[in-house]
Amino acid sequence: MADQHSAEAFQQLKLTKIHLSPRLLENCSRHIAEQFDSLWAPAEKLARHLHRLPTSLVRFLTRTPRGHMVITPGAPNYEPGVQLLRGRELEAVAFVSLTDLVEDPLHTLHVVGHLLDHLLGCRGAPTGRWLSDGHGVNPSWAEIGQQIPALYELGYAVDNIAMAGPRQYFARSVAWYIYDRCQLNVADPQIERLLRQTVFDEAFCRRTLSPGLK
């Protein structure tokens, strides 16, 4: 039953929050385009990269009005404000590089980490404070957010990108947790433990991200 609930949650995520930029496969290199057997295959691949996310967190992402992932032939980037896609306004958008999706999943997960940071901090409000700023969507998450800058200051970042500041530290740690949790644990066991007990813990996410919780 748990697997069924997870599959249903990811299906809703794909339908409502993962988008493809226009003419995606036509605008990338032939080598990259040949990795996909259908137009929708990149969205399926991105969803598979996110397999470690707890069901309750996936549902939170789906029902939050802001927060989208757009697969693009261009460079990866996270844009907190309004973006236009096929005439539709999207807020808080993680632009995922199609090339990274094939060749460098860690970069893909990194930009999604910024999206999680923003949504868990303030539900993606354009000028709101992110989780790694020490904020949170409710007191439980604010308590988690307050720990991130403190852990960053200890200097045990998993790689050079993570050393650039608390936001990069959180996003990169999330990426490494999904991509190679053992490597993250070796480099920075305290952030690995914090993520394991919160962001990637189904019970914690279910308790703190339920629909009626403010």
N, C-alpha and C. Protein backbone atom coordinates (compact mmCIF):
# COMPACT_ATOMS: atom_id res chain seq x y z
N MET A 1 0.83 -1.21 0.00
CA MET A 1 0.00 0.00 0.00
C MET A 1 0.87 1.26 0.00
N ALA A 2 1.98 1.21 0.78
CA ALA A 2 2.87 2.38 0.83
C ALA A 2 3.43 2.67 -0.56
N ASP A 3 3.81 1.59 -1.31
CA ASP A 3 4.34 1.78 -2.65
C ASP A 3 3.28 2.38 -3.56
N GLN A 4 2.02 1.95 -3.38
CA GLN A 4 0.95 2.49 -4.19
C GLN A 4 0.75 3.98 -3.92
N HIS A 5 0.77 4.36 -2.63
CA HIS A 5 0.62 5.77 -2.28
C HIS A 5 1.77 6.59 -2.86
N SER A 6 2.98 6.05 -2.80
CA SER A 6 4.14 6.76 -3.34
C SER A 6 4.00 6.92 -4.85
N ALA A 7 3.60 5.85 -5.53
CA ALA A 7 3.43 5.92 -6.99
C ALA A 7 2.38 6.96 -7.37
N GLU A 8 1.29 7.00 -6.62
CA GLU A 8 0.23 7.97 -6.90
C GLU A 8 0.73 9.40 -6.68
N ALA A 9 1.50 9.60 -5.60
CA ALA A 9 2.03 10.93 -5.30
C ALA A 9 2.98 11.40 -6.40
N PHE A 10 3.86 10.51 -6.86
CA PHE A 10 4.80 10.89 -7.91
C PHE A 10 4.08 11.12 -9.23
N GLN A 11 3.01 10.37 -9.48
CA GLN A 11 2.26 10.60 -10.71
C GLN A 11 1.64 11.99 -10.70
N GLN A 12 1.10 12.40 -9.57
CA GLN A 12 0.54 13.75 -9.46
C GLN A 12 1.62 14.81 -9.60
N LEU A 13 2.79 14.54 -9.03
CA LEU A 13 3.90 15.48 -9.16
C LEU A 13 4.27 15.66 -10.63
N LYS A 14 4.35 14.57 -11.36
CA LYS A 14 4.71 14.65 -12.78
C LYS A 14 3.66 15.43 -13.57
N LEU A 15 2.40 15.22 -13.24
CA LEU A 15 1.33 15.86 -13.99
C LEU A 15 1.20 17.35 -13.70
N THR A 16 1.50 17.75 -12.47
CA THR A 16 1.23 19.13 -12.06
C THR A 16 2.47 20.00 -11.91
N LYS A 17 3.64 19.40 -11.66
CA LYS A 17 4.80 20.22 -11.31
C LYS A 17 6.03 20.02 -12.19
N ILE A 18 6.02 19.04 -13.06
CA ILE A 18 7.15 18.84 -13.97
C ILE A 18 6.70 19.22 -15.38
N HIS A 19 7.42 20.12 -16.00
CA HIS A 19 7.04 20.65 -17.31
C HIS A 19 8.23 20.53 -18.28
N LEU A 20 7.91 20.52 -19.55
CA LEU A 20 8.92 20.49 -20.60
C LEU A 20 8.90 21.80 -21.35
N SER A 21 10.07 22.37 -21.59
CA SER A 21 10.12 23.59 -22.40
C SER A 21 9.75 23.24 -23.85
N PRO A 22 9.22 24.20 -24.61
CA PRO A 22 8.78 23.91 -25.98
C PRO A 22 9.89 23.32 -26.84
N ARG A 23 9.53 22.32 -27.63
CA ARG A 23 10.45 21.69 -28.59
C ARG A 23 11.74 21.25 -27.90
N LEU A 24 11.58 20.66 -26.74
CA LEU A 24 12.74 20.31 -25.91
C LEU A 24 13.74 19.42 -26.64
N LEU A 25 13.29 18.30 -27.17
CA LEU A 25 14.22 17.36 -27.80
C LEU A 25 14.78 17.89 -29.11
N GLU A 26 14.04 18.78 -29.76
CA GLU A 26 14.53 19.37 -31.01
C GLU A 26 15.63 20.39 -30.75
N ASN A 27 15.63 20.99 -29.56
CA ASN A 27 16.57 22.07 -29.28
C ASN A 27 17.80 21.63 -28.50
N CYS A 28 17.96 20.34 -28.33
CA CYS A 28 19.17 19.84 -27.65
C CYS A 28 20.03 19.08 -28.66
N SER A 29 21.18 18.65 -28.24
CA SER A 29 22.07 17.92 -29.14
C SER A 29 21.45 16.57 -29.53
N ARG A 30 21.84 16.09 -30.68
CA ARG A 30 21.31 14.80 -31.14
C ARG A 30 21.65 13.68 -30.16
N HIS A 31 22.87 13.73 -29.63
CA HIS A 31 23.31 12.71 -28.68
C HIS A 31 22.38 12.65 -27.46
N ILE A 32 22.00 13.79 -26.95
CA ILE A 32 21.12 13.82 -25.77
C ILE A 32 19.71 13.39 -26.16
N ALA A 33 19.20 13.90 -27.28
CA ALA A 33 17.85 13.55 -27.71
C ALA A 33 17.68 12.06 -27.91
N GLU A 34 18.73 11.41 -28.38
CA GLU A 34 18.65 9.97 -28.65
C GLU A 34 18.55 9.13 -27.39
N GLN A 35 18.76 9.74 -26.23
CA GLN A 35 18.64 9.00 -24.97
C GLN A 35 17.18 8.79 -24.55
N PHE A 36 16.26 9.45 -25.24
CA PHE A 36 14.85 9.40 -24.85
C PHE A 36 14.00 8.83 -25.99
N ASP A 37 13.10 7.94 -25.62
CA ASP A 37 12.27 7.29 -26.64
C ASP A 37 10.89 7.92 -26.79
N SER A 38 10.63 8.99 -26.04
CA SER A 38 9.36 9.70 -26.18
C SER A 38 9.53 11.12 -25.67
N LEU A 39 8.58 11.98 -26.00
CA LEU A 39 8.65 13.38 -25.55
C LEU A 39 8.54 13.49 -24.05
N TRP A 40 7.79 12.59 -23.42
CA TRP A 40 7.56 12.67 -21.98
C TRP A 40 8.63 11.95 -21.17
N ALA A 41 9.51 11.21 -21.84
CA ALA A 41 10.53 10.43 -21.14
C ALA A 41 11.43 11.28 -20.23
N PRO A 42 11.81 12.52 -20.60
CA PRO A 42 12.63 13.31 -19.66
C PRO A 42 11.93 13.55 -18.32
N ALA A 43 10.62 13.78 -18.34
CA ALA A 43 9.89 13.98 -17.09
C ALA A 43 9.92 12.71 -16.24
N GLU A 44 9.77 11.57 -16.89
CA GLU A 44 9.84 10.29 -16.18
C GLU A 44 11.22 10.10 -15.55
N LYS A 45 12.25 10.48 -16.29
CA LYS A 45 13.61 10.33 -15.78
C LYS A 45 13.85 11.24 -14.58
N LEU A 46 13.36 12.48 -14.66
CA LEU A 46 13.52 13.39 -13.53
C LEU A 46 12.81 12.84 -12.30
N ALA A 47 11.61 12.34 -12.47
CA ALA A 47 10.87 11.77 -11.34
C ALA A 47 11.64 10.61 -10.72
N ARG A 48 12.28 9.79 -11.55
CA ARG A 48 13.07 8.67 -11.00
C ARG A 48 14.26 9.17 -10.20
N HIS A 49 14.85 10.28 -10.61
CA HIS A 49 15.97 10.85 -9.85
C HIS A 49 15.53 11.30 -8.45
N LEU A 50 14.25 11.58 -8.30
CA LEU A 50 13.74 12.10 -7.03
C LEU A 50 13.17 10.99 -6.15
N HIS A 51 13.52 9.75 -6.43
CA HIS A 51 12.86 8.61 -5.79
C HIS A 51 13.01 8.58 -4.27
N ARG A 52 14.04 9.21 -3.72
CA ARG A 52 14.23 9.17 -2.26
C ARG A 52 13.32 10.13 -1.50
N LEU A 53 12.65 11.04 -2.19
CA LEU A 53 11.79 11.99 -1.48
C LEU A 53 10.62 11.26 -0.84
N PRO A 54 10.32 11.56 0.41
CA PRO A 54 9.18 10.91 1.09
C PRO A 54 7.86 11.27 0.42
N THR A 55 6.91 10.36 0.50
CA THR A 55 5.61 10.57 -0.11
C THR A 55 4.96 11.86 0.39
N SER A 56 5.03 12.12 1.68
CA SER A 56 4.38 13.32 2.24
C SER A 56 5.04 14.60 1.73
N LEU A 57 6.34 14.57 1.50
CA LEU A 57 7.01 15.74 0.94
C LEU A 57 6.61 15.93 -0.53
N VAL A 58 6.50 14.84 -1.26
CA VAL A 58 6.05 14.94 -2.66
C VAL A 58 4.65 15.53 -2.72
N ARG A 59 3.79 15.12 -1.82
CA ARG A 59 2.43 15.67 -1.79
C ARG A 59 2.44 17.16 -1.43
N PHE A 60 3.33 17.55 -0.53
CA PHE A 60 3.47 18.96 -0.19
C PHE A 60 3.89 19.77 -1.42
N LEU A 61 4.84 19.25 -2.18
CA LEU A 61 5.28 19.92 -3.40
C LEU A 61 4.13 20.05 -4.39
N THR A 62 3.33 19.02 -4.49
CA THR A 62 2.25 19.00 -5.47
C THR A 62 1.14 19.99 -5.12
N ARG A 63 0.79 20.08 -3.85
CA ARG A 63 -0.35 20.94 -3.49
C ARG A 63 0.05 22.39 -3.21
N THR A 64 1.35 22.68 -3.12
CA THR A 64 1.79 24.06 -2.95
C THR A 64 1.67 24.78 -4.30
N PRO A 65 0.94 25.88 -4.38
CA PRO A 65 0.75 26.55 -5.68
C PRO A 65 2.05 26.93 -6.37
N ARG A 66 3.01 27.43 -5.63
CA ARG A 66 4.31 27.77 -6.22
C ARG A 66 5.19 26.52 -6.24
N GLY A 67 6.27 26.63 -7.02
CA GLY A 67 7.24 25.54 -7.05
C GLY A 67 7.04 24.60 -8.21
N HIS A 68 7.87 24.75 -9.25
CA HIS A 68 7.76 23.93 -10.44
C HIS A 68 9.15 23.53 -10.91
N MET A 69 9.20 22.47 -11.71
CA MET A 69 10.43 22.02 -12.35
C MET A 69 10.21 22.04 -13.86
N VAL A 70 11.05 22.76 -14.57
CA VAL A 70 10.95 22.86 -16.02
C VAL A 70 12.22 22.29 -16.63
N ILE A 71 12.08 21.27 -17.46
CA ILE A 71 13.23 20.68 -18.12
C ILE A 71 13.51 21.48 -19.39
N THR A 72 14.74 21.92 -19.52
CA THR A 72 15.11 22.85 -20.57
C THR A 72 16.40 22.39 -21.26
N PRO A 73 16.59 22.75 -22.53
CA PRO A 73 17.87 22.45 -23.18
C PRO A 73 18.98 23.39 -22.73
N GLY A 74 18.63 24.42 -21.99
CA GLY A 74 19.61 25.40 -21.53
C GLY A 74 20.28 25.02 -20.23
N ALA A 75 20.90 26.01 -19.60
CA ALA A 75 21.65 25.78 -18.37
C ALA A 75 20.70 25.65 -17.17
N PRO A 76 21.12 24.92 -16.14
CA PRO A 76 20.29 24.80 -14.94
C PRO A 76 20.29 26.10 -14.15
N ASN A 77 19.17 26.39 -13.50
CA ASN A 77 19.07 27.59 -12.69
C ASN A 77 17.82 27.52 -11.84
N TYR A 78 17.84 28.22 -10.71
CA TYR A 78 16.62 28.34 -9.91
C TYR A 78 16.18 29.79 -9.91
N GLU A 79 14.92 30.03 -10.28
CA GLU A 79 14.37 31.38 -10.35
C GLU A 79 13.20 31.48 -9.38
N PRO A 80 13.33 32.27 -8.32
CA PRO A 80 12.26 32.35 -7.32
C PRO A 80 11.02 33.12 -7.75
N GLY A 81 11.16 33.97 -8.75
CA GLY A 81 10.03 34.80 -9.17
C GLY A 81 9.19 34.17 -10.25
N VAL A 82 8.36 34.99 -10.90
CA VAL A 82 7.44 34.51 -11.94
C VAL A 82 8.20 34.25 -13.24
N GLN A 83 7.91 33.10 -13.85
CA GLN A 83 8.48 32.73 -15.14
C GLN A 83 7.34 32.36 -16.08
N LEU A 84 7.51 32.63 -17.35
CA LEU A 84 6.48 32.31 -18.34
C LEU A 84 6.84 31.02 -19.07
N LEU A 85 5.86 30.13 -19.19
CA LEU A 85 6.04 28.89 -19.94
C LEU A 85 4.76 28.63 -20.73
N ARG A 86 4.88 28.68 -22.05
CA ARG A 86 3.72 28.46 -22.93
C ARG A 86 2.55 29.37 -22.55
N GLY A 87 2.85 30.61 -22.22
CA GLY A 87 1.82 31.58 -21.88
C GLY A 87 1.29 31.47 -20.46
N ARG A 88 1.84 30.58 -19.67
CA ARG A 88 1.39 30.37 -18.30
C ARG A 88 2.43 30.92 -17.32
N GLU A 89 1.97 31.57 -16.27
CA GLU A 89 2.87 32.09 -15.25
C GLU A 89 3.14 31.02 -14.19
N LEU A 90 4.41 30.75 -13.97
CA LEU A 90 4.83 29.81 -12.93
C LEU A 90 5.71 30.56 -11.95
N GLU A 91 5.55 30.31 -10.66
CA GLU A 91 6.38 30.94 -9.63
C GLU A 91 7.29 29.92 -8.97
N ALA A 92 8.50 30.35 -8.66
CA ALA A 92 9.49 29.51 -7.99
C ALA A 92 9.80 28.29 -8.87
N VAL A 93 10.67 28.50 -9.84
CA VAL A 93 10.90 27.50 -10.88
C VAL A 93 12.35 27.00 -10.86
N ALA A 94 12.49 25.68 -10.80
CA ALA A 94 13.79 25.05 -10.96
C ALA A 94 13.93 24.64 -12.42
N PHE A 95 14.84 25.30 -13.13
CA PHE A 95 15.10 24.94 -14.52
C PHE A 95 16.15 23.82 -14.54
N VAL A 96 15.75 22.66 -14.99
CA VAL A 96 16.59 21.47 -15.00
C VAL A 96 17.16 21.28 -16.39
N SER A 97 18.47 21.19 -16.49
CA SER A 97 19.13 20.98 -17.77
C SER A 97 18.90 19.56 -18.27
N LEU A 98 18.43 19.42 -19.50
CA LEU A 98 18.24 18.09 -20.07
C LEU A 98 19.58 17.35 -20.17
N THR A 99 20.63 18.06 -20.50
CA THR A 99 21.96 17.43 -20.57
C THR A 99 22.38 16.90 -19.21
N ASP A 100 22.18 17.69 -18.16
CA ASP A 100 22.50 17.22 -16.82
C ASP A 100 21.67 16.01 -16.43
N LEU A 101 20.43 16.01 -16.86
CA LEU A 101 19.55 14.89 -16.55
C LEU A 101 20.15 13.58 -17.05
N VAL A 102 20.87 13.64 -18.17
CA VAL A 102 21.50 12.47 -18.74
C VAL A 102 22.91 12.25 -18.19
N GLU A 103 23.69 13.32 -18.13
CA GLU A 103 25.12 13.17 -17.89
C GLU A 103 25.58 13.56 -16.49
N ASP A 104 24.82 14.35 -15.76
CA ASP A 104 25.26 14.81 -14.44
C ASP A 104 24.07 14.97 -13.50
N PRO A 105 23.49 13.86 -13.03
CA PRO A 105 22.31 13.93 -12.16
C PRO A 105 22.53 14.77 -10.91
N LEU A 106 23.77 14.86 -10.43
CA LEU A 106 24.04 15.64 -9.23
C LEU A 106 23.66 17.11 -9.44
N HIS A 107 23.95 17.65 -10.62
CA HIS A 107 23.58 19.04 -10.92
C HIS A 107 22.06 19.18 -10.99
N THR A 108 21.40 18.18 -11.54
CA THR A 108 19.94 18.18 -11.57
C THR A 108 19.37 18.25 -10.16
N LEU A 109 19.87 17.41 -9.30
CA LEU A 109 19.38 17.34 -7.92
C LEU A 109 19.72 18.61 -7.14
N HIS A 110 20.82 19.24 -7.50
CA HIS A 110 21.23 20.48 -6.84
C HIS A 110 20.20 21.58 -7.06
N VAL A 111 19.74 21.77 -8.29
CA VAL A 111 18.77 22.83 -8.56
C VAL A 111 17.42 22.49 -7.92
N VAL A 112 17.08 21.21 -7.83
CA VAL A 112 15.86 20.81 -7.11
C VAL A 112 16.03 21.08 -5.61
N GLY A 113 17.25 20.95 -5.12
CA GLY A 113 17.52 21.28 -3.71
C GLY A 113 17.19 22.72 -3.39
N HIS A 114 17.49 23.64 -4.31
CA HIS A 114 17.12 25.05 -4.11
C HIS A 114 15.60 25.21 -4.05
N LEU A 115 14.90 24.47 -4.89
CA LEU A 115 13.44 24.53 -4.87
C LEU A 115 12.89 24.07 -3.52
N LEU A 116 13.40 22.96 -3.00
CA LEU A 116 12.96 22.47 -1.70
C LEU A 116 13.27 23.49 -0.60
N ASP A 117 14.45 24.07 -0.67
CA ASP A 117 14.87 25.08 0.31
C ASP A 117 13.87 26.24 0.36
N HIS A 118 13.49 26.73 -0.80
CA HIS A 118 12.57 27.87 -0.90
C HIS A 118 11.17 27.49 -0.43
N LEU A 119 10.67 26.34 -0.87
CA LEU A 119 9.31 25.94 -0.50
C LEU A 119 9.19 25.60 0.98
N LEU A 120 10.18 24.92 1.53
CA LEU A 120 10.12 24.56 2.95
C LEU A 120 10.37 25.76 3.85
N GLY A 121 10.96 26.81 3.28
CA GLY A 121 11.19 28.02 4.07
C GLY A 121 9.98 28.92 4.13
N CYS A 122 9.30 29.11 2.98
CA CYS A 122 8.20 30.09 2.93
C CYS A 122 7.17 29.77 1.86
N ARG A 123 7.11 28.50 1.44
CA ARG A 123 6.21 28.07 0.36
C ARG A 123 6.47 28.84 -0.95
N GLY A 124 7.70 29.26 -1.15
CA GLY A 124 8.08 29.87 -2.41
C GLY A 124 7.71 31.33 -2.57
N ALA A 125 7.39 32.02 -1.48
CA ALA A 125 7.07 33.46 -1.58
C ALA A 125 8.27 34.19 -2.19
N PRO A 126 8.05 35.08 -3.18
CA PRO A 126 9.16 35.70 -3.92
C PRO A 126 10.20 36.38 -3.04
N THR A 127 9.76 37.05 -1.99
CA THR A 127 10.71 37.74 -1.11
C THR A 127 10.80 37.07 0.26
N GLY A 128 10.29 35.84 0.36
CA GLY A 128 10.30 35.14 1.64
C GLY A 128 11.66 34.57 1.99
N ARG A 129 11.81 34.17 3.23
CA ARG A 129 13.07 33.59 3.69
C ARG A 129 13.06 32.08 3.45
N TRP A 130 14.18 31.56 3.03
CA TRP A 130 14.31 30.14 2.71
C TRP A 130 14.62 29.36 3.99
N LEU A 131 14.50 28.04 3.89
CA LEU A 131 14.83 27.18 5.03
C LEU A 131 16.26 27.43 5.49
N SER A 132 17.20 27.49 4.55
CA SER A 132 18.60 27.68 4.91
C SER A 132 18.91 29.09 5.41
N ASP A 133 17.92 29.99 5.33
CA ASP A 133 18.05 31.31 5.95
C ASP A 133 17.69 31.26 7.43
N GLY A 134 17.29 30.08 7.90
CA GLY A 134 16.88 29.93 9.29
C GLY A 134 15.39 30.07 9.49
N HIS A 135 14.64 29.97 8.41
CA HIS A 135 13.18 30.12 8.47
C HIS A 135 12.52 28.76 8.24
N GLY A 136 11.17 28.74 8.22
CA GLY A 136 10.45 27.50 7.97
C GLY A 136 8.98 27.76 7.78
N VAL A 137 8.28 26.85 7.12
CA VAL A 137 6.85 27.04 6.85
C VAL A 137 6.00 26.94 8.12
N ASN A 138 6.58 26.41 9.18
CA ASN A 138 5.91 26.33 10.49
C ASN A 138 7.00 26.18 11.54
N PRO A 139 6.67 26.22 12.82
CA PRO A 139 7.70 26.16 13.85
C PRO A 139 8.61 24.93 13.77
N SER A 140 8.05 23.78 13.39
CA SER A 140 8.87 22.57 13.29
C SER A 140 9.97 22.72 12.24
N TRP A 141 9.60 23.30 11.10
CA TRP A 141 10.59 23.48 10.04
C TRP A 141 11.50 24.67 10.33
N ALA A 142 11.01 25.67 11.04
CA ALA A 142 11.89 26.78 11.43
C ALA A 142 13.01 26.28 12.34
N GLU A 143 12.69 25.32 13.19
CA GLU A 143 13.72 24.75 14.07
C GLU A 143 14.79 24.04 13.25
N ILE A 144 14.36 23.36 12.19
CA ILE A 144 15.33 22.72 11.29
C ILE A 144 16.14 23.77 10.55
N GLY A 145 15.44 24.79 10.03
CA GLY A 145 16.12 25.83 9.29
C GLY A 145 17.20 26.53 10.09
N GLN A 146 16.97 26.73 11.37
CA GLN A 146 17.94 27.41 12.21
C GLN A 146 19.22 26.61 12.39
N GLN A 147 19.15 25.31 12.17
CA GLN A 147 20.35 24.48 12.32
C GLN A 147 21.25 24.52 11.09
N ILE A 148 20.69 24.85 9.93
CA ILE A 148 21.47 24.76 8.69
C ILE A 148 22.61 25.77 8.64
N PRO A 149 22.40 27.07 8.93
CA PRO A 149 23.53 27.99 8.93
C PRO A 149 24.60 27.60 9.95
N ALA A 150 24.16 27.08 11.09
CA ALA A 150 25.13 26.66 12.12
C ALA A 150 25.98 25.49 11.63
N LEU A 151 25.36 24.54 10.95
CA LEU A 151 26.13 23.41 10.41
C LEU A 151 27.07 23.88 9.30
N TYR A 152 26.60 24.79 8.50
CA TYR A 152 27.45 25.33 7.44
C TYR A 152 28.71 25.97 8.02
N GLU A 153 28.56 26.69 9.11
CA GLU A 153 29.69 27.38 9.72
C GLU A 153 30.75 26.42 10.25
N LEU A 154 30.40 25.16 10.47
CA LEU A 154 31.38 24.18 10.95
C LEU A 154 32.42 23.85 9.88
N GLY A 155 32.08 24.09 8.61
CA GLY A 155 33.06 23.92 7.54
C GLY A 155 33.19 22.52 6.98
N TYR A 156 32.24 21.64 7.27
CA TYR A 156 32.33 20.27 6.77
C TYR A 156 31.50 20.06 5.51
N ALA A 157 31.52 20.98 4.60
CA ALA A 157 30.73 20.87 3.38
C ALA A 157 31.20 19.70 2.53
N VAL A 158 30.25 19.10 1.81
CA VAL A 158 30.54 17.89 1.04
C VAL A 158 31.44 18.16 -0.16
N ASP A 159 31.41 19.38 -0.71
CA ASP A 159 32.29 19.72 -1.83
C ASP A 159 32.44 21.24 -1.91
N ASN A 160 33.20 21.70 -2.89
CA ASN A 160 33.48 23.14 -2.99
C ASN A 160 32.24 23.97 -3.26
N ILE A 161 31.31 23.44 -4.01
CA ILE A 161 30.08 24.18 -4.28
C ILE A 161 29.31 24.40 -2.99
N ALA A 162 29.25 23.39 -2.16
CA ALA A 162 28.52 23.48 -0.88
C ALA A 162 29.15 24.49 0.07
N MET A 163 30.41 24.85 -0.16
CA MET A 163 31.10 25.80 0.72
C MET A 163 30.75 27.25 0.42
N ALA A 164 29.97 27.49 -0.63
CA ALA A 164 29.72 28.86 -1.10
C ALA A 164 28.75 29.65 -0.23
N GLY A 165 28.00 29.00 0.63
CA GLY A 165 27.04 29.70 1.49
C GLY A 165 25.96 28.74 1.95
N PRO A 166 25.13 29.12 2.92
CA PRO A 166 24.11 28.21 3.45
C PRO A 166 23.14 27.68 2.41
N ARG A 167 22.74 28.50 1.44
CA ARG A 167 21.80 28.00 0.43
C ARG A 167 22.45 26.94 -0.45
N GLN A 168 23.67 27.19 -0.88
CA GLN A 168 24.38 26.19 -1.67
C GLN A 168 24.68 24.95 -0.82
N TYR A 169 24.97 25.18 0.42
CA TYR A 169 25.27 24.08 1.35
C TYR A 169 24.07 23.14 1.46
N PHE A 170 22.88 23.71 1.65
CA PHE A 170 21.69 22.88 1.78
C PHE A 170 21.38 22.17 0.46
N ALA A 171 21.34 22.92 -0.63
CA ALA A 171 20.97 22.33 -1.92
C ALA A 171 21.94 21.22 -2.32
N ARG A 172 23.22 21.47 -2.13
CA ARG A 172 24.22 20.47 -2.52
C ARG A 172 24.14 19.25 -1.62
N SER A 173 23.86 19.46 -0.34
CA SER A 173 23.74 18.33 0.59
C SER A 173 22.53 17.47 0.24
N VAL A 174 21.43 18.12 -0.12
CA VAL A 174 20.25 17.38 -0.58
C VAL A 174 20.60 16.55 -1.82
N ALA A 175 21.30 17.19 -2.76
CA ALA A 175 21.69 16.48 -3.99
C ALA A 175 22.54 15.26 -3.69
N TRP A 176 23.53 15.43 -2.83
CA TRP A 176 24.40 14.31 -2.50
C TRP A 176 23.66 13.24 -1.71
N TYR A 177 22.71 13.63 -0.87
CA TYR A 177 21.93 12.65 -0.11
C TYR A 177 21.22 11.69 -1.07
N ILE A 178 20.64 12.24 -2.12
CA ILE A 178 19.93 11.41 -3.08
C ILE A 178 20.90 10.65 -3.98
N TYR A 179 21.95 11.32 -4.40
CA TYR A 179 22.88 10.74 -5.37
C TYR A 179 23.82 9.72 -4.74
N ASP A 180 24.38 10.05 -3.58
CA ASP A 180 25.33 9.15 -2.91
C ASP A 180 25.35 9.51 -1.42
N ARG A 181 24.37 8.97 -0.71
CA ARG A 181 24.23 9.30 0.72
C ARG A 181 25.46 8.91 1.53
N CYS A 182 26.11 7.81 1.16
CA CYS A 182 27.30 7.37 1.90
C CYS A 182 28.42 8.41 1.79
N GLN A 183 28.60 8.97 0.61
CA GLN A 183 29.62 10.00 0.41
C GLN A 183 29.32 11.23 1.27
N LEU A 184 28.04 11.61 1.31
CA LEU A 184 27.66 12.75 2.15
C LEU A 184 27.95 12.46 3.61
N ASN A 185 27.65 11.25 4.05
CA ASN A 185 27.86 10.89 5.45
C ASN A 185 29.33 10.92 5.83
N VAL A 186 30.19 10.50 4.91
CA VAL A 186 31.63 10.54 5.16
C VAL A 186 32.11 11.98 5.29
N ALA A 187 31.67 12.84 4.37
CA ALA A 187 32.15 14.22 4.33
C ALA A 187 31.53 15.09 5.41
N ASP A 188 30.24 14.91 5.68
CA ASP A 188 29.52 15.82 6.57
C ASP A 188 28.42 15.04 7.30
N PRO A 189 28.78 14.24 8.28
CA PRO A 189 27.79 13.36 8.94
C PRO A 189 26.66 14.11 9.65
N GLN A 190 26.91 15.35 10.08
CA GLN A 190 25.86 16.05 10.80
C GLN A 190 24.73 16.50 9.88
N ILE A 191 25.06 16.99 8.68
CA ILE A 191 23.97 17.37 7.76
C ILE A 191 23.30 16.12 7.22
N GLU A 192 24.05 15.05 7.04
CA GLU A 192 23.43 13.80 6.59
C GLU A 192 22.40 13.33 7.61
N ARG A 193 22.74 13.41 8.88
CA ARG A 193 21.80 12.98 9.93
C ARG A 193 20.58 13.90 9.98
N LEU A 194 20.81 15.21 9.86
CA LEU A 194 19.68 16.14 9.89
C LEU A 194 18.73 15.88 8.72
N LEU A 195 19.25 15.68 7.53
CA LEU A 195 18.40 15.40 6.37
C LEU A 195 17.68 14.06 6.54
N ARG A 196 18.39 13.08 7.05
CA ARG A 196 17.79 11.75 7.22
C ARG A 196 16.62 11.79 8.19
N GLN A 197 16.71 12.63 9.20
CA GLN A 197 15.68 12.69 10.23
C GLN A 197 14.56 13.67 9.92
N THR A 198 14.70 14.45 8.85
CA THR A 198 13.70 15.48 8.57
C THR A 198 13.24 15.45 7.11
N VAL A 199 14.01 16.05 6.23
CA VAL A 199 13.61 16.17 4.82
C VAL A 199 13.32 14.82 4.19
N PHE A 200 14.09 13.80 4.55
CA PHE A 200 13.94 12.49 3.93
C PHE A 200 13.28 11.46 4.84
N ASP A 201 12.62 11.93 5.88
CA ASP A 201 11.93 11.03 6.80
C ASP A 201 10.42 11.14 6.60
N GLU A 202 9.80 10.06 6.21
CA GLU A 202 8.37 10.08 5.92
C GLU A 202 7.55 10.47 7.14
N ALA A 203 7.87 9.91 8.30
CA ALA A 203 7.08 10.21 9.50
C ALA A 203 7.17 11.69 9.86
N PHE A 204 8.38 12.26 9.78
CA PHE A 204 8.54 13.68 10.10
C PHE A 204 7.78 14.55 9.11
N CYS A 205 7.90 14.24 7.82
CA CYS A 205 7.21 15.04 6.80
C CYS A 205 5.70 14.91 6.92
N ARG A 206 5.22 13.72 7.22
CA ARG A 206 3.78 13.53 7.38
C ARG A 206 3.25 14.33 8.56
N ARG A 207 4.02 14.35 9.63
CA ARG A 207 3.60 15.05 10.86
C ARG A 207 3.65 16.57 10.69
N THR A 208 4.62 17.07 9.93
CA THR A 208 4.85 18.52 9.88
C THR A 208 4.35 19.20 8.60
N LEU A 209 3.97 18.40 7.60
CA LEU A 209 3.54 18.98 6.34
C LEU A 209 2.10 18.57 5.98
N SER A 210 1.32 18.19 6.98
CA SER A 210 -0.07 17.78 6.73
C SER A 210 -0.84 18.99 6.21
N PRO A 211 -1.88 18.76 5.41
CA PRO A 211 -2.59 19.87 4.75
C PRO A 211 -3.11 20.96 5.68
N GLY A 212 -3.55 20.59 6.88
CA GLY A 212 -4.15 21.60 7.76
C GLY A 212 -3.15 22.32 8.63
N LEU A 213 -1.87 21.95 8.55
CA LEU A 213 -0.86 22.53 9.44
C LEU A 213 -0.42 23.90 8.94
N LYS A 214 -0.41 24.89 9.80
CA LYS A 214 0.01 26.25 9.44
C LYS A 214 1.42 26.52 9.95
